[in-house]
Amino acid sequence: MQIEILYFATLRDLAGLRREQLSLPEHSTVGDLRNRLSERGDRLALALGSALFSVNHEFAFPEEGLNEGDEVGVFPPVSGGAHPTLLKVTEEPLDLNNLIESIAGASTGAVCIFSGLVRAQTERGEPRLTSFLEYEAYWPMAEAKLNQVATEMRERWPEVEGIAIVQRVGHLDPGTPTAVIACSAPHRDSGVFEAARYGIDRLKQIVPIWKKEVGPGGEAWVEGTYQPQSSDQSR
């Protein structure tokens, strides 16, 4: 079936066009469309985690079905003056330059980035070699918890403007970025360092993502020790 996609505001800029027609299998949903657009691996794909969708002029949700000839809008949250936020779980490679561009604005004077990498060799605890990691996520809950982490960061460091939290899943070789936390602000003393550190620590506490280490000695899932509290529920 054919659907018509209209892009608005920052999503239009990232897509590089105002509208396009796309062919999807019958019985596809809005979630299927989001995944299809994400598979392109372009600048637009990085922003889809926080994008809103509409179908025939009504807000639409991932489980909503699509039909031949539907008009689908793709746009950022509509609250005026909101700071840019990019939250995403993805199988696509992470592009740090695109992440910076997505959260930087006219008033940005500082961007702090934390990027985790797959280690080939671990010295802390029992030394071991790693051939690759396999990351798995409880996808819908993970994206919801990424939003919670970003909200907590803004509450603690209100001068931080843009926030990007992106987590890779799937097969990742040594040297590959696994997660990126990026914060932008007018000045370096606006909390960007502290917010980025908080973001990665909080991600590892409450976002349901797991990794399996595979190496010469075998394979094993790595589990954490943090036990969520009632205060960790999103408000």
Protein backbone atom coordinates (compact mmCIF):
# COMPACT_ATOMS: atom_id res chain seq x y z
CA MET A 1 0.00 0.00 0.00
CA GLN A 2 1.07 3.60 -0.60
CA ILE A 3 1.05 6.26 2.11
CA GLU A 4 1.90 9.95 1.97
CA ILE A 5 4.42 11.23 4.54
CA LEU A 6 4.69 14.92 5.45
CA TYR A 7 7.68 16.19 7.44
CA PHE A 8 7.60 19.35 9.57
CA ALA A 9 10.05 21.67 11.36
CA THR A 10 13.33 20.00 12.39
CA LEU A 11 12.20 16.66 10.98
CA ARG A 12 11.74 18.30 7.57
CA ASP A 13 15.26 19.72 7.75
CA LEU A 14 16.72 16.35 8.71
CA ALA A 15 14.79 14.49 6.00
CA GLY A 16 15.75 17.06 3.39
CA LEU A 17 12.26 17.09 1.90
CA ARG A 18 8.73 18.15 2.78
CA ARG A 19 6.84 15.06 1.64
CA GLU A 20 7.32 11.66 0.08
CA GLN A 21 5.35 8.58 -0.84
CA LEU A 22 6.32 5.27 0.71
CA SER A 23 5.20 1.73 -0.04
CA LEU A 24 4.49 -0.48 2.99
CA PRO A 25 3.14 -4.03 3.34
CA GLU A 26 -0.57 -4.42 4.06
CA HIS A 27 -1.53 -4.27 7.76
CA SER A 28 1.54 -2.16 8.64
CA THR A 29 1.35 0.03 11.74
CA VAL A 30 2.76 3.42 12.70
CA GLY A 31 5.44 1.54 14.64
CA ASP A 32 6.36 -0.38 11.48
CA LEU A 33 6.67 2.92 9.63
CA ARG A 34 8.94 4.36 12.34
CA ASN A 35 11.14 1.26 12.09
CA ARG A 36 11.21 1.50 8.29
CA LEU A 37 12.37 5.12 8.44
CA SER A 38 14.95 4.24 11.13
CA GLU A 39 16.49 1.59 8.90
CA ARG A 40 17.72 4.28 6.51
CA GLY A 41 20.47 5.23 8.94
CA ASP A 42 20.42 8.91 7.94
CA ARG A 43 20.14 12.09 10.04
CA LEU A 44 16.37 11.69 10.21
CA ALA A 45 16.69 8.23 11.75
CA LEU A 46 18.55 9.65 14.75
CA ALA A 47 15.65 12.00 15.60
CA LEU A 48 12.80 9.51 15.29
CA GLY A 49 13.04 8.45 18.94
CA SER A 50 11.36 11.68 20.06
CA ALA A 51 9.31 12.34 16.92
CA LEU A 52 5.50 12.47 16.96
CA PHE A 53 3.29 10.90 14.32
CA SER A 54 -0.19 11.71 13.10
CA VAL A 55 -2.49 9.83 10.73
CA ASN A 56 -5.06 11.84 8.77
CA HIS A 57 -4.64 14.83 11.11
CA GLU A 58 -4.97 12.94 14.42
CA PHE A 59 -2.14 11.99 16.79
CA ALA A 60 -1.17 8.37 16.17
CA PHE A 61 0.54 5.74 18.32
CA PRO A 62 2.84 2.85 17.36
CA GLU A 63 0.13 0.16 17.40
CA GLU A 64 -2.22 2.10 15.12
CA GLY A 65 -2.80 0.49 11.73
CA LEU A 66 -2.19 2.23 8.42
CA ASN A 67 -4.31 2.07 5.27
CA GLU A 68 -3.88 2.82 1.60
CA GLY A 69 -3.68 6.55 0.95
CA ASP A 70 -3.22 7.62 4.59
CA GLU A 71 -1.52 10.95 5.21
CA VAL A 72 1.11 10.60 7.95
CA GLY A 73 2.67 13.62 9.63
CA VAL A 74 6.11 13.33 11.25
CA PHE A 75 7.13 16.20 13.53
CA PRO A 76 8.82 17.15 16.81
CA PRO A 77 6.85 17.82 20.03
CA VAL A 78 4.79 20.95 19.52
CA SER A 79 5.31 22.73 22.85
CA GLY A 80 6.89 26.08 22.01
CA GLY A 81 10.41 26.76 23.20
CA ALA A 82 11.22 23.19 24.20
CA HIS A 83 14.89 22.25 24.18
CA PRO A 84 15.96 19.54 21.71
CA THR A 85 15.85 16.00 23.06
CA LEU A 86 16.96 12.85 21.24
CA LEU A 87 16.18 9.53 22.92
CA LYS A 88 16.70 6.32 21.00
CA VAL A 89 17.41 2.61 21.17
CA THR A 90 18.83 1.56 17.83
CA GLU A 91 20.69 -1.11 15.90
CA GLU A 92 22.26 1.56 13.68
CA PRO A 93 25.82 2.91 14.13
CA LEU A 94 26.12 6.05 16.26
CA ASP A 95 27.27 9.23 14.52
CA LEU A 96 28.62 11.66 17.12
CA ASN A 97 28.64 14.62 14.74
CA ASN A 98 24.95 14.14 13.95
CA LEU A 99 24.16 13.80 17.65
CA ILE A 100 25.89 17.09 18.42
CA GLU A 101 24.08 18.79 15.58
CA SER A 102 20.73 17.50 16.82
CA ILE A 103 21.08 19.10 20.27
CA ALA A 104 23.04 22.26 19.48
CA GLY A 105 21.29 25.59 18.99
CA ALA A 106 22.06 29.26 18.57
CA SER A 107 22.86 29.69 22.28
CA THR A 108 25.00 26.54 22.59
CA GLY A 109 28.54 27.20 23.74
CA ALA A 110 29.38 23.81 25.24
CA VAL A 111 28.60 20.18 24.48
CA CYS A 112 29.69 17.34 26.73
CA ILE A 113 29.63 13.79 25.35
CA PHE A 114 30.10 10.50 27.13
CA SER A 115 30.48 7.48 24.85
CA GLY A 116 30.80 3.91 26.08
CA LEU A 117 32.89 1.52 23.98
CA VAL A 118 33.11 -2.25 23.71
CA ARG A 119 36.32 -3.34 25.45
CA ALA A 120 38.42 -6.05 23.87
CA GLN A 121 40.16 -6.64 27.19
CA THR A 122 38.82 -6.22 30.74
CA GLU A 123 41.23 -5.79 33.65
CA ARG A 124 38.80 -4.89 36.45
CA GLY A 125 37.81 -7.95 38.46
CA GLU A 126 38.66 -11.19 36.70
CA PRO A 127 40.73 -10.38 33.56
CA ARG A 128 39.08 -11.58 30.34
CA LEU A 129 39.06 -11.05 26.60
CA THR A 130 35.94 -10.10 24.66
CA SER A 131 35.35 -11.01 21.01
CA PHE A 132 32.06 -9.11 20.81
CA LEU A 133 29.03 -8.06 22.85
CA GLU A 134 25.39 -8.81 22.14
CA TYR A 135 23.04 -6.12 23.50
CA GLU A 136 19.34 -6.74 24.06
CA ALA A 137 16.63 -4.29 25.16
CA TYR A 138 13.06 -4.44 26.36
CA TRP A 139 12.46 -1.88 23.64
CA PRO A 140 9.24 0.00 24.59
CA MET A 141 10.13 0.16 28.28
CA ALA A 142 13.72 1.15 27.48
CA GLU A 143 12.58 4.14 25.43
CA ALA A 144 10.16 5.19 28.17
CA LYS A 145 12.93 5.00 30.76
CA LEU A 146 15.30 7.01 28.55
CA ASN A 147 12.68 9.74 28.64
CA GLN A 148 12.60 9.50 32.44
CA VAL A 149 16.40 9.81 32.63
CA ALA A 150 16.31 12.93 30.44
CA THR A 151 13.55 14.43 32.60
CA GLU A 152 15.57 13.83 35.76
CA MET A 153 18.63 15.41 34.16
CA ARG A 154 16.66 18.56 33.31
CA GLU A 155 15.24 18.78 36.82
CA ARG A 156 18.71 18.65 38.36
CA TRP A 157 20.52 20.85 35.82
CA PRO A 158 17.96 23.31 34.40
CA GLU A 159 20.61 25.22 32.44
CA VAL A 160 21.26 22.18 30.26
CA GLU A 161 19.49 22.71 26.94
CA GLY A 162 19.80 19.77 24.54
CA ILE A 163 20.00 16.15 25.68
CA ALA A 164 20.72 13.08 23.57
CA ILE A 165 20.68 9.55 25.00
CA VAL A 166 21.20 6.82 22.41
CA GLN A 167 21.82 3.13 23.12
CA ARG A 168 23.04 0.60 20.56
CA VAL A 169 21.71 -2.96 20.60
CA GLY A 170 22.63 -6.07 18.64
CA HIS A 171 26.08 -7.42 17.75
CA LEU A 172 28.83 -4.95 18.68
CA ASP A 173 32.54 -5.53 18.05
CA PRO A 174 35.40 -4.13 20.20
CA GLY A 175 35.89 -0.40 19.74
CA THR A 176 32.24 0.17 18.82
CA PRO A 177 30.32 2.90 20.70
CA THR A 178 27.58 1.28 22.79
CA ALA A 179 25.83 4.25 24.39
CA VAL A 180 26.13 8.00 24.01
CA ILE A 181 25.00 10.66 26.47
CA ALA A 182 25.35 14.21 25.14
CA CYS A 183 24.35 17.48 26.80
CA SER A 184 24.46 21.01 25.43
CA ALA A 185 24.35 24.33 27.28
CA PRO A 186 25.41 27.97 26.83
CA HIS A 187 28.54 27.49 28.99
CA ARG A 188 30.72 24.65 30.24
CA ASP A 189 29.82 25.47 33.86
CA SER A 190 26.10 24.99 33.20
CA GLY A 191 26.07 21.38 34.42
CA VAL A 192 26.86 19.55 31.18
CA PHE A 193 29.63 17.43 32.72
CA GLU A 194 27.59 16.46 35.75
CA ALA A 195 24.44 15.81 33.72
CA ALA A 196 26.24 13.53 31.27
CA ARG A 197 27.77 11.52 34.13
CA TYR A 198 24.38 11.25 35.83
CA GLY A 199 22.78 10.19 32.55
CA ILE A 200 25.03 7.18 31.94
CA ASP A 201 24.88 6.10 35.59
CA ARG A 202 21.08 6.34 35.62
CA LEU A 203 20.79 4.54 32.29
CA LYS A 204 22.66 1.59 33.77
CA GLN A 205 20.32 1.59 36.79
CA ILE A 206 16.81 1.76 35.35
CA VAL A 207 16.86 1.24 31.56
CA PRO A 208 16.16 -2.44 30.72
CA ILE A 209 19.16 -3.22 28.52
CA TRP A 210 21.43 -6.24 28.91
CA LYS A 211 24.64 -7.41 27.32
CA LYS A 212 26.12 -10.83 26.64
CA GLU A 213 29.90 -11.05 26.58
CA VAL A 214 31.32 -13.50 24.06
CA GLY A 215 35.00 -14.37 24.12
CA PRO A 216 37.57 -17.17 23.96
CA GLY A 217 36.45 -18.36 27.39
CA GLY A 218 32.80 -18.71 26.43
CA GLU A 219 29.79 -16.44 26.71
CA ALA A 220 27.80 -15.00 29.62
CA TRP A 221 25.10 -12.42 30.26
CA VAL A 222 26.27 -9.53 32.42
CA GLU A 223 23.76 -8.61 35.11
CA GLY A 224 23.74 -5.59 37.38
CA THR A 225 23.03 -5.37 41.08
CA TYR A 226 20.81 -2.28 41.34
CA GLN A 227 17.31 -2.98 42.69
CA PRO A 228 14.77 -0.36 41.55
CA GLN A 229 12.84 1.55 44.21
CA SER A 230 9.35 3.00 44.06
CA SER A 231 11.01 6.38 43.50
CA ASP A 232 12.41 5.04 40.22
CA GLN A 233 8.93 4.88 38.70
CA SER A 234 8.28 7.57 36.14
CA ARG A 235 5.94 10.29 37.31
